[in-house]
Amino acid sequence: AAKASVPKMSYKNFDIKIIAYYGVVIKGWPLDKFVPPSLIKSQTELKVLLWAWETNTIHFYKLTNEEF
């Protein structure tokens, strides 16, 4: 888990606002596009996404100094 507290999840510009700033990535995203859940129109995709979070298939990962 990340040691820094991220005040707000940012899907738009995630690479700049979260990865570059905090050194945190999301591993295991199961969908083709990385978008906020509110933009996912398929109930099936929402269920897949929820299941992945609930089973820790998706998780936040703090990059090591070597990875970052």
N, C-alpha and C. Protein backbone atom coordinates (compact mmCIF):
# COMPACT_ATOMS: atom_id res chain seq x y z
N ALA A 1 0.84 -1.19 0.00
CA ALA A 1 0.00 0.00 0.00
C ALA A 1 0.87 1.25 0.00
N ALA A 2 0.34 2.28 -0.56
CA ALA A 2 1.07 3.54 -0.62
C ALA A 2 1.16 4.16 0.76
N LYS A 3 2.31 4.74 1.08
CA LYS A 3 2.47 5.40 2.37
C LYS A 3 1.90 6.80 2.34
N ALA A 4 1.89 7.43 1.19
CA ALA A 4 1.33 8.77 1.06
C ALA A 4 -0.17 8.68 0.87
N SER A 5 -0.87 9.61 1.44
CA SER A 5 -2.32 9.67 1.27
C SER A 5 -2.64 10.44 -0.01
N VAL A 6 -3.37 9.80 -0.90
CA VAL A 6 -3.79 10.45 -2.14
C VAL A 6 -5.14 11.09 -1.87
N PRO A 7 -5.23 12.43 -1.95
CA PRO A 7 -6.46 13.11 -1.55
C PRO A 7 -7.65 12.84 -2.46
N LYS A 8 -7.41 12.56 -3.73
CA LYS A 8 -8.51 12.34 -4.67
C LYS A 8 -8.01 11.47 -5.81
N MET A 9 -8.81 10.47 -6.15
CA MET A 9 -8.47 9.60 -7.27
C MET A 9 -8.63 10.38 -8.56
N SER A 10 -7.63 10.32 -9.42
CA SER A 10 -7.66 11.03 -10.69
C SER A 10 -7.45 10.04 -11.82
N TYR A 11 -8.51 9.75 -12.56
CA TYR A 11 -8.39 8.84 -13.70
C TYR A 11 -7.79 9.58 -14.89
N LYS A 12 -8.22 10.83 -15.06
CA LYS A 12 -7.68 11.65 -16.15
C LYS A 12 -6.28 12.08 -15.73
N ASN A 13 -5.33 11.90 -16.62
CA ASN A 13 -3.93 12.22 -16.34
C ASN A 13 -3.38 11.44 -15.15
N PHE A 14 -3.83 10.20 -15.00
CA PHE A 14 -3.37 9.35 -13.89
C PHE A 14 -1.85 9.25 -13.88
N ASP A 15 -1.26 9.16 -15.07
CA ASP A 15 0.20 9.01 -15.15
C ASP A 15 0.93 10.21 -14.56
N ILE A 16 0.37 11.39 -14.70
CA ILE A 16 1.01 12.60 -14.17
C ILE A 16 0.61 12.86 -12.72
N LYS A 17 -0.70 12.81 -12.46
CA LYS A 17 -1.20 13.20 -11.15
C LYS A 17 -0.97 12.15 -10.06
N ILE A 18 -0.89 10.88 -10.43
CA ILE A 18 -0.73 9.84 -9.41
C ILE A 18 0.62 9.14 -9.55
N ILE A 19 0.90 8.59 -10.73
CA ILE A 19 2.14 7.83 -10.89
C ILE A 19 3.36 8.73 -10.69
N ALA A 20 3.44 9.82 -11.44
CA ALA A 20 4.62 10.68 -11.36
C ALA A 20 4.75 11.37 -10.00
N TYR A 21 3.63 11.75 -9.41
CA TYR A 21 3.67 12.50 -8.16
C TYR A 21 3.85 11.60 -6.94
N TYR A 22 3.09 10.49 -6.90
CA TYR A 22 3.11 9.62 -5.73
C TYR A 22 3.91 8.34 -5.93
N GLY A 23 4.21 7.98 -7.17
CA GLY A 23 4.91 6.73 -7.43
C GLY A 23 4.04 5.51 -7.20
N VAL A 24 2.75 5.66 -7.46
CA VAL A 24 1.77 4.58 -7.24
C VAL A 24 1.11 4.23 -8.57
N VAL A 25 1.00 2.93 -8.83
CA VAL A 25 0.32 2.45 -10.03
C VAL A 25 -0.83 1.54 -9.62
N ILE A 26 -1.70 1.25 -10.56
CA ILE A 26 -2.75 0.26 -10.35
C ILE A 26 -2.37 -0.96 -11.16
N LYS A 27 -2.24 -2.09 -10.50
CA LYS A 27 -1.91 -3.34 -11.18
C LYS A 27 -3.17 -4.19 -11.31
N GLY A 28 -3.30 -4.84 -12.46
CA GLY A 28 -4.39 -5.78 -12.65
C GLY A 28 -5.68 -5.21 -13.21
N TRP A 29 -5.64 -4.01 -13.78
CA TRP A 29 -6.86 -3.41 -14.34
C TRP A 29 -7.41 -4.34 -15.42
N PRO A 30 -8.64 -4.83 -15.29
CA PRO A 30 -9.15 -5.86 -16.19
C PRO A 30 -9.81 -5.36 -17.48
N LEU A 31 -10.04 -4.09 -17.59
CA LEU A 31 -10.77 -3.56 -18.74
C LEU A 31 -9.81 -2.99 -19.78
N ASP A 32 -10.30 -2.85 -21.00
CA ASP A 32 -9.47 -2.31 -22.09
C ASP A 32 -9.07 -0.86 -21.85
N LYS A 33 -10.00 -0.07 -21.33
CA LYS A 33 -9.74 1.35 -21.11
C LYS A 33 -9.70 1.65 -19.61
N PHE A 34 -8.81 2.57 -19.24
CA PHE A 34 -8.71 3.02 -17.86
C PHE A 34 -9.55 4.28 -17.72
N VAL A 35 -10.77 4.12 -17.23
CA VAL A 35 -11.71 5.23 -17.08
C VAL A 35 -12.39 5.13 -15.72
N PRO A 36 -12.96 6.24 -15.25
CA PRO A 36 -13.71 6.18 -14.00
C PRO A 36 -14.92 5.26 -14.13
N PRO A 37 -15.28 4.58 -13.07
CA PRO A 37 -16.45 3.70 -13.13
C PRO A 37 -17.71 4.40 -13.62
N SER A 38 -17.84 5.68 -13.36
CA SER A 38 -19.04 6.41 -13.80
C SER A 38 -19.16 6.48 -15.32
N LEU A 39 -18.07 6.26 -16.04
CA LEU A 39 -18.11 6.28 -17.50
C LEU A 39 -18.27 4.90 -18.12
N ILE A 40 -18.32 3.87 -17.29
CA ILE A 40 -18.49 2.51 -17.79
C ILE A 40 -19.98 2.25 -17.93
N LYS A 41 -20.41 1.99 -19.14
CA LYS A 41 -21.85 1.83 -19.41
C LYS A 41 -22.31 0.38 -19.37
N SER A 42 -21.38 -0.55 -19.47
CA SER A 42 -21.72 -1.97 -19.47
C SER A 42 -21.80 -2.50 -18.05
N GLN A 43 -22.95 -3.07 -17.70
CA GLN A 43 -23.12 -3.66 -16.37
C GLN A 43 -22.13 -4.82 -16.18
N THR A 44 -21.87 -5.57 -17.23
CA THR A 44 -20.92 -6.67 -17.15
C THR A 44 -19.53 -6.16 -16.80
N GLU A 45 -19.09 -5.09 -17.47
CA GLU A 45 -17.78 -4.53 -17.17
C GLU A 45 -17.71 -3.98 -15.75
N LEU A 46 -18.79 -3.37 -15.29
CA LEU A 46 -18.82 -2.88 -13.91
C LEU A 46 -18.70 -4.02 -12.91
N LYS A 47 -19.38 -5.13 -13.20
CA LYS A 47 -19.30 -6.29 -12.31
C LYS A 47 -17.89 -6.88 -12.31
N VAL A 48 -17.27 -6.93 -13.48
CA VAL A 48 -15.89 -7.43 -13.58
C VAL A 48 -14.96 -6.53 -12.75
N LEU A 49 -15.14 -5.23 -12.89
CA LEU A 49 -14.30 -4.28 -12.16
C LEU A 49 -14.50 -4.41 -10.65
N LEU A 50 -15.74 -4.49 -10.21
CA LEU A 50 -16.04 -4.64 -8.78
C LEU A 50 -15.45 -5.94 -8.24
N TRP A 51 -15.65 -7.03 -8.97
CA TRP A 51 -15.10 -8.32 -8.55
C TRP A 51 -13.58 -8.25 -8.42
N ALA A 52 -12.94 -7.60 -9.38
CA ALA A 52 -11.48 -7.50 -9.36
C ALA A 52 -10.99 -6.73 -8.14
N TRP A 53 -11.68 -5.65 -7.77
CA TRP A 53 -11.29 -4.92 -6.55
C TRP A 53 -11.56 -5.76 -5.31
N GLU A 54 -12.71 -6.41 -5.26
CA GLU A 54 -13.07 -7.20 -4.07
C GLU A 54 -12.15 -8.39 -3.85
N THR A 55 -11.59 -8.92 -4.91
CA THR A 55 -10.71 -10.10 -4.79
C THR A 55 -9.23 -9.72 -4.83
N ASN A 56 -8.95 -8.44 -4.80
CA ASN A 56 -7.57 -7.93 -4.85
C ASN A 56 -6.83 -8.30 -6.14
N THR A 57 -7.57 -8.60 -7.19
CA THR A 57 -6.96 -8.79 -8.50
C THR A 57 -6.39 -7.45 -8.97
N ILE A 58 -7.13 -6.39 -8.69
CA ILE A 58 -6.64 -5.02 -8.92
C ILE A 58 -6.13 -4.53 -7.57
N HIS A 59 -5.01 -3.85 -7.60
CA HIS A 59 -4.52 -3.26 -6.36
C HIS A 59 -3.58 -2.10 -6.67
N PHE A 60 -3.49 -1.21 -5.70
CA PHE A 60 -2.52 -0.12 -5.80
C PHE A 60 -1.16 -0.68 -5.43
N TYR A 61 -0.14 -0.22 -6.14
CA TYR A 61 1.22 -0.70 -5.91
C TYR A 61 2.16 0.49 -5.87
N LYS A 62 2.91 0.60 -4.77
CA LYS A 62 3.91 1.66 -4.62
C LYS A 62 5.19 1.21 -5.31
N LEU A 63 5.61 1.96 -6.31
CA LEU A 63 6.82 1.62 -7.04
C LEU A 63 8.05 1.74 -6.14
N THR A 64 9.00 0.85 -6.34
CA THR A 64 10.26 0.95 -5.62
C THR A 64 11.09 2.06 -6.26
N ASN A 65 12.15 2.46 -5.61
CA ASN A 65 13.03 3.49 -6.18
C ASN A 65 13.57 3.05 -7.54
N GLU A 66 13.88 1.77 -7.68
CA GLU A 66 14.40 1.25 -8.94
C GLU A 66 13.34 1.29 -10.05
N GLU A 67 12.11 1.01 -9.70
CA GLU A 67 11.02 1.03 -10.68
C GLU A 67 10.61 2.46 -11.05
N PHE A 68 10.74 3.34 -10.11
CA PHE A 68 10.30 4.72 -10.29
C PHE A 68 11.40 5.51 -10.96
